[in-house]
Amino acid sequence: MSRIFTLDEARALMPRVKGLTEPAFELATSLAEELEGLETASDTVGAEALRERLNTLVSSWAEAIRDLGPDVKGLWLVDFDAGDGYWCWAYPEEGLDHWHSYEGGFRSRVPVAERPVPAP
């Protein structure tokens, strides 16, 4: 069972979430650029090794985020269970300012101020 976060609790974790995400994103971007070059050069062995490094990086990032309590719902996408949906953050957003229902997913997210009032 996942942990339920108030908005304040989720926002309090954001410096740590961002601290894990930003360097992982920057390294992944660099590796992806290098991978593109290897693929262009038809270096299949080098490209496969780089793909493995990228997969390991993303898996390690996701595990570190989950260890903090939130869910990872996609690449650089972090959701905090609010009890009636999720507080939703995607890198490189500055703050945790969106919410979406369990069913709706990322595409249905709304600003926190527009979150429907939870049923009692």
PDB file of N, CA and C in Angstrom:
ATOM      1  N   MET A   1       0.845  -1.180   0.000  1.00  0.00           N
ATOM      2  CA  MET A   1       0.000   0.000   0.000  1.00  0.00           C
ATOM      3  C   MET A   1       0.891   1.244   0.000  1.00  0.00           C
ATOM      4  N   SER A   2       0.537   2.200  -0.850  1.00  0.00           N
ATOM      5  CA  SER A   2       1.356   3.402  -0.915  1.00  0.00           C
ATOM      6  C   SER A   2       0.957   4.377   0.186  1.00  0.00           C
ATOM      7  N   ARG A   3       1.859   5.254   0.475  1.00  0.00           N
ATOM      8  CA  ARG A   3       1.639   6.266   1.508  1.00  0.00           C
ATOM      9  C   ARG A   3       0.746   7.374   0.963  1.00  0.00           C
ATOM     10  N   ILE A   4      -0.103   7.923   1.806  1.00  0.00           N
ATOM     11  CA  ILE A   4      -0.947   9.066   1.453  1.00  0.00           C
ATOM     12  C   ILE A   4      -0.213  10.334   1.905  1.00  0.00           C
ATOM     13  N   PHE A   5      -0.122  11.312   1.015  1.00  0.00           N
ATOM     14  CA  PHE A   5       0.575  12.571   1.292  1.00  0.00           C
ATOM     15  C   PHE A   5      -0.397  13.735   1.301  1.00  0.00           C
ATOM     16  N   THR A   6      -0.262  14.603   2.290  1.00  0.00           N
ATOM     17  CA  THR A   6      -0.910  15.901   2.191  1.00  0.00           C
ATOM     18  C   THR A   6      -0.095  16.697   1.185  1.00  0.00           C
ATOM     19  N   LEU A   7      -0.656  17.777   0.689  1.00  0.00           N
ATOM     20  CA  LEU A   7       0.092  18.613  -0.252  1.00  0.00           C
ATOM     21  C   LEU A   7       1.356  19.153   0.416  1.00  0.00           C
ATOM     22  N   ASP A   8       1.264  19.574   1.673  1.00  0.00           N
ATOM     23  CA  ASP A   8       2.442  20.097   2.382  1.00  0.00           C
ATOM     24  C   ASP A   8       3.529  19.030   2.530  1.00  0.00           C
ATOM     25  N   GLU A   9       3.131  17.793   2.854  1.00  0.00           N
ATOM     26  CA  GLU A   9       4.110  16.712   2.989  1.00  0.00           C
ATOM     27  C   GLU A   9       4.794  16.431   1.653  1.00  0.00           C
ATOM     28  N   ALA A  10       4.009  16.398   0.593  1.00  0.00           N
ATOM     29  CA  ALA A  10       4.573  16.147  -0.733  1.00  0.00           C
ATOM     30  C   ALA A  10       5.522  17.279  -1.139  1.00  0.00           C
ATOM     31  N   ARG A  11       5.097  18.492  -0.914  1.00  0.00           N
ATOM     32  CA  ARG A  11       5.955  19.633  -1.267  1.00  0.00           C
ATOM     33  C   ARG A  11       7.237  19.648  -0.439  1.00  0.00           C
ATOM     34  N   ALA A  12       7.171  19.186   0.790  1.00  0.00           N
ATOM     35  CA  ALA A  12       8.369  19.140   1.631  1.00  0.00           C
ATOM     36  C   ALA A  12       9.408  18.164   1.071  1.00  0.00           C
ATOM     37  N   LEU A  13       8.971  17.160   0.335  1.00  0.00           N
ATOM     38  CA  LEU A  13       9.897  16.194  -0.273  1.00  0.00           C
ATOM     39  C   LEU A  13      10.463  16.662  -1.617  1.00  0.00           C
ATOM     40  N   MET A  14       9.887  17.696  -2.171  1.00  0.00           N
ATOM     41  CA  MET A  14      10.287  18.118  -3.511  1.00  0.00           C
ATOM     42  C   MET A  14      11.775  18.478  -3.660  1.00  0.00           C
ATOM     43  N   PRO A  15      12.413  19.106  -2.683  1.00  0.00           N
ATOM     44  CA  PRO A  15      13.850  19.357  -2.859  1.00  0.00           C
ATOM     45  C   PRO A  15      14.640  18.060  -3.057  1.00  0.00           C
ATOM     46  N   ARG A  16      14.260  17.013  -2.355  1.00  0.00           N
ATOM     47  CA  ARG A  16      14.950  15.730  -2.507  1.00  0.00           C
ATOM     48  C   ARG A  16      14.610  15.093  -3.854  1.00  0.00           C
ATOM     49  N   VAL A  17      13.337  15.171  -4.252  1.00  0.00           N
ATOM     50  CA  VAL A  17      12.920  14.620  -5.546  1.00  0.00           C
ATOM     51  C   VAL A  17      13.667  15.327  -6.673  1.00  0.00           C
ATOM     52  N   LYS A  18      13.702  16.643  -6.610  1.00  0.00           N
ATOM     53  CA  LYS A  18      14.402  17.412  -7.645  1.00  0.00           C
ATOM     54  C   LYS A  18      15.906  17.162  -7.598  1.00  0.00           C
ATOM     55  N   GLY A  19      16.448  16.989  -6.378  1.00  0.00           N
ATOM     56  CA  GLY A  19      17.876  16.715  -6.222  1.00  0.00           C
ATOM     57  C   GLY A  19      18.285  15.380  -6.821  1.00  0.00           C
ATOM     58  N   LEU A  20      17.377  14.425  -6.843  1.00  0.00           N
ATOM     59  CA  LEU A  20      17.643  13.138  -7.489  1.00  0.00           C
ATOM     60  C   LEU A  20      17.382  13.201  -8.992  1.00  0.00           C
ATOM     61  N   THR A  21      16.392  13.982  -9.385  1.00  0.00           N
ATOM     62  CA  THR A  21      15.951  13.986 -10.775  1.00  0.00           C
ATOM     63  C   THR A  21      16.843  14.799 -11.686  1.00  0.00           C
ATOM     64  N   GLU A  22      17.223  15.989 -11.266  1.00  0.00           N
ATOM     65  CA  GLU A  22      17.987  16.869 -12.163  1.00  0.00           C
ATOM     66  C   GLU A  22      19.286  16.239 -12.648  1.00  0.00           C
ATOM     67  N   PRO A  23      20.142  15.710 -11.766  1.00  0.00           N
ATOM     68  CA  PRO A  23      21.383  15.117 -12.283  1.00  0.00           C
ATOM     69  C   PRO A  23      21.132  13.859 -13.115  1.00  0.00           C
ATOM     70  N   ALA A  24      20.114  13.087 -12.766  1.00  0.00           N
ATOM     71  CA  ALA A  24      19.795  11.893 -13.556  1.00  0.00           C
ATOM     72  C   ALA A  24      19.325  12.305 -14.951  1.00  0.00           C
ATOM     73  N   PHE A  25      18.500  13.330 -15.018  1.00  0.00           N
ATOM     74  CA  PHE A  25      18.021  13.830 -16.302  1.00  0.00           C
ATOM     75  C   PHE A  25      19.186  14.331 -17.160  1.00  0.00           C
ATOM     76  N   GLU A  26      20.073  15.120 -16.547  1.00  0.00           N
ATOM     77  CA  GLU A  26      21.202  15.673 -17.295  1.00  0.00           C
ATOM     78  C   GLU A  26      22.114  14.571 -17.826  1.00  0.00           C
ATOM     79  N   LEU A  27      22.389  13.564 -17.005  1.00  0.00           N
ATOM     80  CA  LEU A  27      23.219  12.448 -17.454  1.00  0.00           C
ATOM     81  C   LEU A  27      22.505  11.657 -18.544  1.00  0.00           C
ATOM     82  N   ALA A  28      21.219  11.417 -18.378  1.00  0.00           N
ATOM     83  CA  ALA A  28      20.453  10.679 -19.389  1.00  0.00           C
ATOM     84  C   ALA A  28      20.444  11.426 -20.721  1.00  0.00           C
ATOM     85  N   THR A  29      20.315  12.745 -20.674  1.00  0.00           N
ATOM     86  CA  THR A  29      20.338  13.552 -21.889  1.00  0.00           C
ATOM     87  C   THR A  29      21.682  13.418 -22.593  1.00  0.00           C
ATOM     88  N   SER A  30      22.751  13.482 -21.824  1.00  0.00           N
ATOM     89  CA  SER A  30      24.096  13.334 -22.382  1.00  0.00           C
ATOM     90  C   SER A  30      24.287  11.945 -22.994  1.00  0.00           C
ATOM     91  N   LEU A  31      23.851  10.920 -22.276  1.00  0.00           N
ATOM     92  CA  LEU A  31      23.987   9.555 -22.790  1.00  0.00           C
ATOM     93  C   LEU A  31      23.135   9.349 -24.038  1.00  0.00           C
ATOM     94  N   ALA A  32      21.957   9.935 -24.074  1.00  0.00           N
ATOM     95  CA  ALA A  32      21.083   9.807 -25.245  1.00  0.00           C
ATOM     96  C   ALA A  32      21.715  10.461 -26.473  1.00  0.00           C
ATOM     97  N   GLU A  33      22.365  11.596 -26.273  1.00  0.00           N
ATOM     98  CA  GLU A  33      23.062  12.256 -27.387  1.00  0.00           C
ATOM     99  C   GLU A  33      24.213  11.386 -27.879  1.00  0.00           C
ATOM    100  N   GLU A  34      24.949  10.811 -26.943  1.00  0.00           N
ATOM    101  CA  GLU A  34      26.049   9.915 -27.309  1.00  0.00           C
ATOM    102  C   GLU A  34      25.495   8.683 -28.035  1.00  0.00           C
ATOM    103  N   LEU A  35      24.394   8.159 -27.577  1.00  0.00           N
ATOM    104  CA  LEU A  35      23.762   7.000 -28.201  1.00  0.00           C
ATOM    105  C   LEU A  35      23.353   7.314 -29.636  1.00  0.00           C
ATOM    106  N   GLU A  36      22.801   8.484 -29.844  1.00  0.00           N
ATOM    107  CA  GLU A  36      22.405   8.886 -31.196  1.00  0.00           C
ATOM    108  C   GLU A  36      23.608   8.866 -32.140  1.00  0.00           C
ATOM    109  N   GLY A  37      24.738   9.348 -31.646  1.00  0.00           N
ATOM    110  CA  GLY A  37      25.955   9.334 -32.455  1.00  0.00           C
ATOM    111  C   GLY A  37      26.413   7.918 -32.778  1.00  0.00           C
ATOM    112  N   LEU A  38      26.348   7.032 -31.804  1.00  0.00           N
ATOM    113  CA  LEU A  38      26.738   5.640 -32.039  1.00  0.00           C
ATOM    114  C   LEU A  38      25.803   4.956 -33.027  1.00  0.00           C
ATOM    115  N   GLU A  39      24.510   5.259 -32.914  1.00  0.00           N
ATOM    116  CA  GLU A  39      23.550   4.675 -33.854  1.00  0.00           C
ATOM    117  C   GLU A  39      23.773   5.198 -35.263  1.00  0.00           C
ATOM    118  N   THR A  40      24.086   6.484 -35.387  1.00  0.00           N
ATOM    119  CA  THR A  40      24.373   7.064 -36.684  1.00  0.00           C
ATOM    120  C   THR A  40      25.604   6.410 -37.298  1.00  0.00           C
ATOM    121  N   ALA A  41      26.586   6.097 -36.456  1.00  0.00           N
ATOM    122  CA  ALA A  41      27.820   5.459 -36.913  1.00  0.00           C
ATOM    123  C   ALA A  41      27.660   3.940 -37.050  1.00  0.00           C
ATOM    124  N   SER A  42      26.454   3.442 -36.799  1.00  0.00           N
ATOM    125  CA  SER A  42      26.170   1.997 -36.865  1.00  0.00           C
ATOM    126  C   SER A  42      27.039   1.174 -35.925  1.00  0.00           C
ATOM    127  N   ASP A  43      27.375   1.746 -34.776  1.00  0.00           N
ATOM    128  CA  ASP A  43      28.141   1.023 -33.749  1.00  0.00           C
ATOM    129  C   ASP A  43      27.146   0.302 -32.847  1.00  0.00           C
ATOM    130  N   THR A  44      26.712  -0.879 -33.278  1.00  0.00           N
ATOM    131  CA  THR A  44      25.673  -1.593 -32.545  1.00  0.00           C
ATOM    132  C   THR A  44      26.140  -2.065 -31.175  1.00  0.00           C
ATOM    133  N   VAL A  45      27.393  -2.454 -31.045  1.00  0.00           N
ATOM    134  CA  VAL A  45      27.905  -2.920 -29.755  1.00  0.00           C
ATOM    135  C   VAL A  45      27.952  -1.761 -28.761  1.00  0.00           C
ATOM    136  N   GLY A  46      28.510  -0.645 -29.190  1.00  0.00           N
ATOM    137  CA  GLY A  46      28.574   0.534 -28.324  1.00  0.00           C
ATOM    138  C   GLY A  46      27.196   1.057 -27.988  1.00  0.00           C
ATOM    139  N   ALA A  47      26.294   1.046 -28.974  1.00  0.00           N
ATOM    140  CA  ALA A  47      24.932   1.529 -28.753  1.00  0.00           C
ATOM    141  C   ALA A  47      24.210   0.652 -27.737  1.00  0.00           C
ATOM    142  N   GLU A  48      24.380  -0.654 -27.826  1.00  0.00           N
ATOM    143  CA  GLU A  48      23.710  -1.550 -26.880  1.00  0.00           C
ATOM    144  C   GLU A  48      24.240  -1.327 -25.464  1.00  0.00           C
ATOM    145  N   ALA A  49      25.531  -1.147 -25.327  1.00  0.00           N
ATOM    146  CA  ALA A  49      26.117  -0.892 -24.010  1.00  0.00           C
ATOM    147  C   ALA A  49      25.577   0.418 -23.429  1.00  0.00           C
ATOM    148  N   LEU A  50      25.440   1.422 -24.274  1.00  0.00           N
ATOM    149  CA  LEU A  50      24.925   2.712 -23.816  1.00  0.00           C
ATOM    150  C   LEU A  50      23.445   2.612 -23.447  1.00  0.00           C
ATOM    151  N   ARG A  51      22.668   1.844 -24.199  1.00  0.00           N
ATOM    152  CA  ARG A  51      21.264   1.623 -23.852  1.00  0.00           C
ATOM    153  C   ARG A  51      21.152   0.981 -22.469  1.00  0.00           C
ATOM    154  N   GLU A  52      22.021   0.036 -22.189  1.00  0.00           N
ATOM    155  CA  GLU A  52      22.016  -0.609 -20.870  1.00  0.00           C
ATOM    156  C   GLU A  52      22.331   0.396 -19.773  1.00  0.00           C
ATOM    157  N   ARG A  53      23.300   1.278 -20.019  1.00  0.00           N
ATOM    158  CA  ARG A  53      23.627   2.313 -19.035  1.00  0.00           C
ATOM    159  C   ARG A  53      22.436   3.238 -18.796  1.00  0.00           C
ATOM    160  N   LEU A  54      21.763   3.616 -19.876  1.00  0.00           N
ATOM    161  CA  LEU A  54      20.583   4.469 -19.751  1.00  0.00           C
ATOM    162  C   LEU A  54      19.484   3.770 -18.953  1.00  0.00           C
ATOM    163  N   ASN A  55      19.238   2.510 -19.262  1.00  0.00           N
ATOM    164  CA  ASN A  55      18.219   1.761 -18.528  1.00  0.00           C
ATOM    165  C   ASN A  55      18.562   1.647 -17.051  1.00  0.00           C
ATOM    166  N   THR A  56      19.821   1.409 -16.741  1.00  0.00           N
ATOM    167  CA  THR A  56      20.258   1.312 -15.354  1.00  0.00           C
ATOM    168  C   THR A  56      20.087   2.648 -14.643  1.00  0.00           C
ATOM    169  N   LEU A  57      20.440   3.727 -15.312  1.00  0.00           N
ATOM    170  CA  LEU A  57      20.295   5.067 -14.742  1.00  0.00           C
ATOM    171  C   LEU A  57      18.830   5.360 -14.414  1.00  0.00           C
ATOM    172  N   VAL A  58      17.945   5.108 -15.359  1.00  0.00           N
ATOM    173  CA  VAL A  58      16.525   5.395 -15.153  1.00  0.00           C
ATOM    174  C   VAL A  58      15.953   4.494 -14.055  1.00  0.00           C
ATOM    175  N   SER A  59      16.330   3.232 -14.054  1.00  0.00           N
ATOM    176  CA  SER A  59      15.852   2.312 -13.012  1.00  0.00           C
ATOM    177  C   SER A  59      16.331   2.741 -11.634  1.00  0.00           C
ATOM    178  N   SER A  60      17.572   3.164 -11.542  1.00  0.00           N
ATOM    179  CA  SER A  60      18.128   3.625 -10.262  1.00  0.00           C
ATOM    180  C   SER A  60      17.421   4.886  -9.785  1.00  0.00           C
ATOM    181  N   TRP A  61      17.162   5.806 -10.716  1.00  0.00           N
ATOM    182  CA  TRP A  61      16.434   7.022 -10.362  1.00  0.00           C
ATOM    183  C   TRP A  61      15.044   6.673  -9.833  1.00  0.00           C
ATOM    184  N   ALA A  62      14.327   5.815 -10.562  1.00  0.00           N
ATOM    185  CA  ALA A  62      12.967   5.442 -10.161  1.00  0.00           C
ATOM    186  C   ALA A  62      12.966   4.772  -8.784  1.00  0.00           C
ATOM    187  N   GLU A  63      13.917   3.909  -8.537  1.00  0.00           N
ATOM    188  CA  GLU A  63      14.000   3.233  -7.233  1.00  0.00           C
ATOM    189  C   GLU A  63      14.262   4.238  -6.113  1.00  0.00           C
ATOM    190  N   ALA A  64      15.156   5.193  -6.363  1.00  0.00           N
ATOM    191  CA  ALA A  64      15.469   6.209  -5.348  1.00  0.00           C
ATOM    192  C   ALA A  64      14.242   7.075  -5.044  1.00  0.00           C
ATOM    193  N   ILE A  65      13.455   7.402  -6.067  1.00  0.00           N
ATOM    194  CA  ILE A  65      12.234   8.183  -5.861  1.00  0.00           C
ATOM    195  C   ILE A  65      11.226   7.369  -5.061  1.00  0.00           C
ATOM    196  N   ARG A  66      11.019   6.119  -5.452  1.00  0.00           N
ATOM    197  CA  ARG A  66      10.058   5.261  -4.732  1.00  0.00           C
ATOM    198  C   ARG A  66      10.481   5.057  -3.280  1.00  0.00           C
ATOM    199  N   ASP A  67      11.778   5.026  -3.020  1.00  0.00           N
ATOM    200  CA  ASP A  67      12.258   4.892  -1.644  1.00  0.00           C
ATOM    201  C   ASP A  67      11.827   6.075  -0.774  1.00  0.00           C
ATOM    202  N   LEU A  68      11.588   7.230  -1.389  1.00  0.00           N
ATOM    203  CA  LEU A  68      11.114   8.413  -0.659  1.00  0.00           C
ATOM    204  C   LEU A  68       9.618   8.331  -0.358  1.00  0.00           C
ATOM    205  N   GLY A  69       8.891   7.491  -1.102  1.00  0.00           N
ATOM    206  CA  GLY A  69       7.458   7.334  -0.855  1.00  0.00           C
ATOM    207  C   GLY A  69       6.544   7.581  -2.039  1.00  0.00           C
ATOM    208  N   PRO A  70       6.888   8.486  -2.965  1.00  0.00           N
ATOM    209  CA  PRO A  70       5.988   8.695  -4.105  1.00  0.00           C
ATOM    210  C   PRO A  70       6.096   7.564  -5.135  1.00  0.00           C
ATOM    211  N   ASP A  71       5.206   7.629  -6.126  1.00  0.00           N
ATOM    212  CA  ASP A  71       5.210   6.681  -7.234  1.00  0.00           C
ATOM    213  C   ASP A  71       5.879   7.319  -8.435  1.00  0.00           C
ATOM    214  N   VAL A  72       6.508   6.501  -9.251  1.00  0.00           N
ATOM    215  CA  VAL A  72       7.055   6.943 -10.527  1.00  0.00           C
ATOM    216  C   VAL A  72       6.086   6.448 -11.583  1.00  0.00           C
ATOM    217  N   LYS A  73       5.520   7.378 -12.338  1.00  0.00           N
ATOM    218  CA  LYS A  73       4.506   7.020 -13.327  1.00  0.00           C
ATOM    219  C   LYS A  73       4.999   7.139 -14.759  1.00  0.00           C
ATOM    220  N   GLY A  74       6.223   7.551 -14.928  1.00  0.00           N
ATOM    221  CA  GLY A  74       6.796   7.695 -16.256  1.00  0.00           C
ATOM    222  C   GLY A  74       8.170   8.305 -16.122  1.00  0.00           C
ATOM    223  N   LEU A  75       8.792   8.523 -17.247  1.00  0.00           N
ATOM    224  CA  LEU A  75      10.133   9.095 -17.244  1.00  0.00           C
ATOM    225  C   LEU A  75      10.083  10.525 -16.725  1.00  0.00           C
ATOM    226  N   TRP A  76      10.714  10.738 -15.569  1.00  0.00           N
ATOM    227  CA  TRP A  76      10.811  12.034 -14.891  1.00  0.00           C
ATOM    228  C   TRP A  76       9.436  12.515 -14.431  1.00  0.00           C
ATOM    229  N   LEU A  77       8.524  11.596 -14.177  1.00  0.00           N
ATOM    230  CA  LEU A  77       7.168  11.910 -13.740  1.00  0.00           C
ATOM    231  C   LEU A  77       6.909  11.260 -12.386  1.00  0.00           C
ATOM    232  N   VAL A  78       6.599  12.094 -11.386  1.00  0.00           N
ATOM    233  CA  VAL A  78       6.457  11.632 -10.006  1.00  0.00           C
ATOM    234  C   VAL A  78       5.065  11.986  -9.486  1.00  0.00           C
ATOM    235  N   ASP A  79       4.397  10.992  -8.906  1.00  0.00           N
ATOM    236  CA  ASP A  79       3.068  11.183  -8.334  1.00  0.00           C
ATOM    237  C   ASP A  79       3.083  10.840  -6.849  1.00  0.00           C
ATOM    238  N   PHE A  80       2.466  11.714  -6.062  1.00  0.00           N
ATOM    239  CA  PHE A  80       2.298  11.501  -4.635  1.00  0.00           C
ATOM    240  C   PHE A  80       0.827  11.184  -4.399  1.00  0.00           C
ATOM    241  N   ASP A  81       0.532  10.053  -3.794  1.00  0.00           N
ATOM    242  CA  ASP A  81      -0.849   9.648  -3.547  1.00  0.00           C
ATOM    243  C   ASP A  81      -1.497  10.627  -2.571  1.00  0.00           C
ATOM    244  N   ALA A  82      -2.596  11.249  -3.008  1.00  0.00           N
ATOM    245  CA  ALA A  82      -3.312  12.230  -2.186  1.00  0.00           C
ATOM    246  C   ALA A  82      -4.533  11.627  -1.500  1.00  0.00           C
ATOM    247  N   GLY A  83      -4.781  10.352  -1.726  1.00  0.00           N
ATOM    248  CA  GLY A  83      -5.933   9.712  -1.123  1.00  0.00           C
ATOM    249  C   GLY A  83      -7.166   9.713  -2.019  1.00  0.00           C
ATOM    250  N   ASP A  84      -7.209  10.635  -2.971  1.00  0.00           N
ATOM    251  CA  ASP A  84      -8.311  10.712  -3.929  1.00  0.00           C
ATOM    252  C   ASP A  84      -7.794  10.940  -5.347  1.00  0.00           C
ATOM    253  N   GLY A  85      -6.516  10.812  -5.504  1.00  0.00           N
ATOM    254  CA  GLY A  85      -5.824  11.065  -6.764  1.00  0.00           C
ATOM    255  C   GLY A  85      -4.360  11.294  -6.449  1.00  0.00           C
ATOM    256  N   TYR A  86      -3.680  12.029  -7.302  1.00  0.00           N
ATOM    257  CA  TYR A  86      -2.239  12.242  -7.119  1.00  0.00           C
ATOM    258  C   TYR A  86      -1.857  13.710  -7.242  1.00  0.00           C
ATOM    259  N   TRP A  87      -0.950  14.142  -6.353  1.00  0.00           N
ATOM    260  CA  TRP A  87      -0.214  15.384  -6.560  1.00  0.00           C
ATOM    261  C   TRP A  87       0.814  14.999  -7.621  1.00  0.00           C
ATOM    262  N   CYS A  88       0.907  15.746  -8.684  1.00  0.00           N
ATOM    263  CA  CYS A  88       1.671  15.314  -9.862  1.00  0.00           C
ATOM    264  C   CYS A  88       2.766  16.320 -10.209  1.00  0.00           C
ATOM    265  N   TRP A  89       3.971  15.792 -10.428  1.00  0.00           N
ATOM    266  CA  TRP A  89       5.109  16.636 -10.802  1.00  0.00           C
ATOM    267  C   TRP A  89       5.865  15.986 -11.950  1.00  0.00           C
ATOM    268  N   ALA A  90       6.277  16.805 -12.902  1.00  0.00           N
ATOM    269  CA  ALA A  90       7.088  16.342 -14.023  1.00  0.00           C
ATOM    270  C   ALA A  90       8.290  17.266 -14.168  1.00  0.00           C
ATOM    271  N   TYR A  91       9.472  16.671 -14.276  1.00  0.00           N
ATOM    272  CA  TYR A  91      10.677  17.470 -14.498  1.00  0.00           C
ATOM    273  C   TYR A  91      10.555  18.150 -15.844  1.00  0.00           C
ATOM    274  N   PRO A  92      10.863  19.430 -15.958  1.00  0.00           N
ATOM    275  CA  PRO A  92      11.581  20.331 -15.065  1.00  0.00           C
ATOM    276  C   PRO A  92      10.695  21.339 -14.326  1.00  0.00           C
ATOM    277  N   GLU A  93       9.455  20.994 -14.035  1.00  0.00           N
ATOM    278  CA  GLU A  93       8.586  21.933 -13.342  1.00  0.00           C
ATOM    279  C   GLU A  93       9.232  22.387 -12.042  1.00  0.00           C
ATOM    280  N   GLU A  94       8.994  23.641 -11.704  1.00  0.00           N
ATOM    281  CA  GLU A  94       9.590  24.215 -10.497  1.00  0.00           C
ATOM    282  C   GLU A  94       8.955  23.669  -9.225  1.00  0.00           C
ATOM    283  N   GLY A  95       7.643  23.621  -9.209  1.00  0.00           N
ATOM    284  CA  GLY A  95       6.960  23.227  -7.984  1.00  0.00           C
ATOM    285  C   GLY A  95       5.968  22.107  -8.210  1.00  0.00           C
ATOM    286  N   LEU A  96       5.412  21.643  -7.118  1.00  0.00           N
ATOM    287  CA  LEU A  96       4.381  20.607  -7.150  1.00  0.00           C
ATOM    288  C   LEU A  96       3.043  21.334  -7.170  1.00  0.00           C
ATOM    289  N   ASP A  97       2.524  21.563  -8.355  1.00  0.00           N
ATOM    290  CA  ASP A  97       1.383  22.448  -8.521  1.00  0.00           C
ATOM    291  C   ASP A  97       0.198  21.823  -9.247  1.00  0.00           C
ATOM    292  N   HIS A  98       0.213  20.489  -9.447  1.00  0.00           N
ATOM    293  CA  HIS A  98      -0.864  19.841 -10.184  1.00  0.00           C
ATOM    294  C   HIS A  98      -1.401  18.620  -9.440  1.00  0.00           C
ATOM    295  N   TRP A  99      -2.622  18.276  -9.773  1.00  0.00           N
ATOM    296  CA  TRP A  99      -3.302  17.103  -9.211  1.00  0.00           C
ATOM    297  C   TRP A  99      -4.048  16.411 -10.345  1.00  0.00           C
ATOM    298  N   HIS A 100      -4.182  15.082 -10.252  1.00  0.00           N
ATOM    299  CA  HIS A 100      -5.068  14.365 -11.173  1.00  0.00           C
ATOM    300  C   HIS A 100      -5.687  13.177 -10.460  1.00  0.00           C
ATOM    301  N   SER A 101      -6.837  12.741 -10.968  1.00  0.00           N
ATOM    302  CA  SER A 101      -7.554  11.616 -10.376  1.00  0.00           C
ATOM    303  C   SER A 101      -6.783  10.328 -10.636  1.00  0.00           C
ATOM    304  N   TYR A 102      -7.160   9.281  -9.923  1.00  0.00           N
ATOM    305  CA  TYR A 102      -6.543   7.978 -10.143  1.00  0.00           C
ATOM    306  C   TYR A 102      -6.806   7.505 -11.571  1.00  0.00           C
ATOM    307  N   GLU A 103      -8.011   7.719 -12.049  1.00  0.00           N
ATOM    308  CA  GLU A 103      -8.401   7.227 -13.367  1.00  0.00           C
ATOM    309  C   GLU A 103      -7.881   8.103 -14.503  1.00  0.00           C
ATOM    310  N   GLY A 104      -7.772   9.382 -14.249  1.00  0.00           N
ATOM    311  CA  GLY A 104      -7.489  10.332 -15.318  1.00  0.00           C
ATOM    312  C   GLY A 104      -6.064  10.345 -15.825  1.00  0.00           C
ATOM    313  N   GLY A 105      -5.111  10.158 -14.958  1.00  0.00           N
ATOM    314  CA  GLY A 105      -3.720  10.182 -15.377  1.00  0.00           C
ATOM    315  C   GLY A 105      -3.201  11.578 -15.691  1.00  0.00           C
ATOM    316  N   PHE A 106      -1.971  11.608 -16.140  1.00  0.00           N
ATOM    317  CA  PHE A 106      -1.247  12.852 -16.377  1.00  0.00           C
ATOM    318  C   PHE A 106      -2.009  13.817 -17.278  1.00  0.00           C
ATOM    319  N   ARG A 107      -2.604  13.318 -18.328  1.00  0.00           N
ATOM    320  CA  ARG A 107      -3.289  14.192 -19.300  1.00  0.00           C
ATOM    321  C   ARG A 107      -4.489  14.917 -18.702  1.00  0.00           C
ATOM    322  N   SER A 108      -5.002  14.403 -17.591  1.00  0.00           N
ATOM    323  CA  SER A 108      -6.177  15.034 -16.988  1.00  0.00           C
ATOM    324  C   SER A 108      -5.826  15.923 -15.802  1.00  0.00           C
ATOM    325  N   ARG A 109      -4.551  16.158 -15.584  1.00  0.00           N
ATOM    326  CA  ARG A 109      -4.175  16.909 -14.393  1.00  0.00           C
ATOM    327  C   ARG A 109      -4.638  18.355 -14.482  1.00  0.00           C
ATOM    328  N   VAL A 110      -4.872  18.922 -13.315  1.00  0.00           N
ATOM    329  CA  VAL A 110      -5.344  20.299 -13.191  1.00  0.00           C
ATOM    330  C   VAL A 110      -4.480  20.989 -12.140  1.00  0.00           C
ATOM    331  N   PRO A 111      -4.449  22.333 -12.160  1.00  0.00           N
ATOM    332  CA  PRO A 111      -3.750  23.034 -11.087  1.00  0.00           C
ATOM    333  C   PRO A 111      -4.346  22.648  -9.740  1.00  0.00           C
ATOM    334  N   VAL A 112      -3.512  22.612  -8.714  1.00  0.00           N
ATOM    335  CA  VAL A 112      -3.939  22.226  -7.367  1.00  0.00           C
ATOM    336  C   VAL A 112      -5.176  23.010  -6.930  1.00  0.00           C
ATOM    337  N   ALA A 113      -5.235  24.288  -7.264  1.00  0.00           N
ATOM    338  CA  ALA A 113      -6.369  25.126  -6.851  1.00  0.00           C
ATOM    339  C   ALA A 113      -7.682  24.667  -7.502  1.00  0.00           C
ATOM    340  N   GLU A 114      -7.613  23.901  -8.594  1.00  0.00           N
ATOM    341  CA  GLU A 114      -8.819  23.432  -9.294  1.00  0.00           C
ATOM    342  C   GLU A 114      -9.154  21.985  -8.937  1.00  0.00           C
ATOM    343  N   ARG A 115      -8.453  21.415  -7.986  1.00  0.00           N
ATOM    344  CA  ARG A 115      -8.729  20.038  -7.551  1.00  0.00           C
ATOM    345  C   ARG A 115     -10.155  19.946  -7.022  1.00  0.00           C
ATOM    346  N   PRO A 116     -10.901  18.949  -7.462  1.00  0.00           N
ATOM    347  CA  PRO A 116     -12.258  18.799  -6.917  1.00  0.00           C
ATOM    348  C   PRO A 116     -12.193  18.530  -5.417  1.00  0.00           C
ATOM    349  N   VAL A 117     -13.188  18.993  -4.704  1.00  0.00           N
ATOM    350  CA  VAL A 117     -13.247  18.771  -3.266  1.00  0.00           C
ATOM    351  C   VAL A 117     -13.485  17.284  -3.022  1.00  0.00           C
ATOM    352  N   PRO A 118     -12.599  16.622  -2.234  1.00  0.00           N
ATOM    353  CA  PRO A 118     -12.790  15.195  -1.964  1.00  0.00           C
ATOM    354  C   PRO A 118     -14.079  14.931  -1.201  1.00  0.00           C
ATOM    355  N   ALA A 119     -14.718  13.809  -1.529  1.00  0.00           N
ATOM    356  CA  ALA A 119     -15.934  13.410  -0.808  1.00  0.00           C
ATOM    357  C   ALA A 119     -15.553  13.001   0.615  1.00  0.00           C
ATOM    358  N   PRO A 120     -16.427  13.285   1.598  1.00  0.00           N
ATOM    359  CA  PRO A 120     -16.097  12.948   2.988  1.00  0.00           C
ATOM    360  C   PRO A 120     -16.074  11.444   3.228  1.00  0.00           C
TER     361      PRO A 120
END
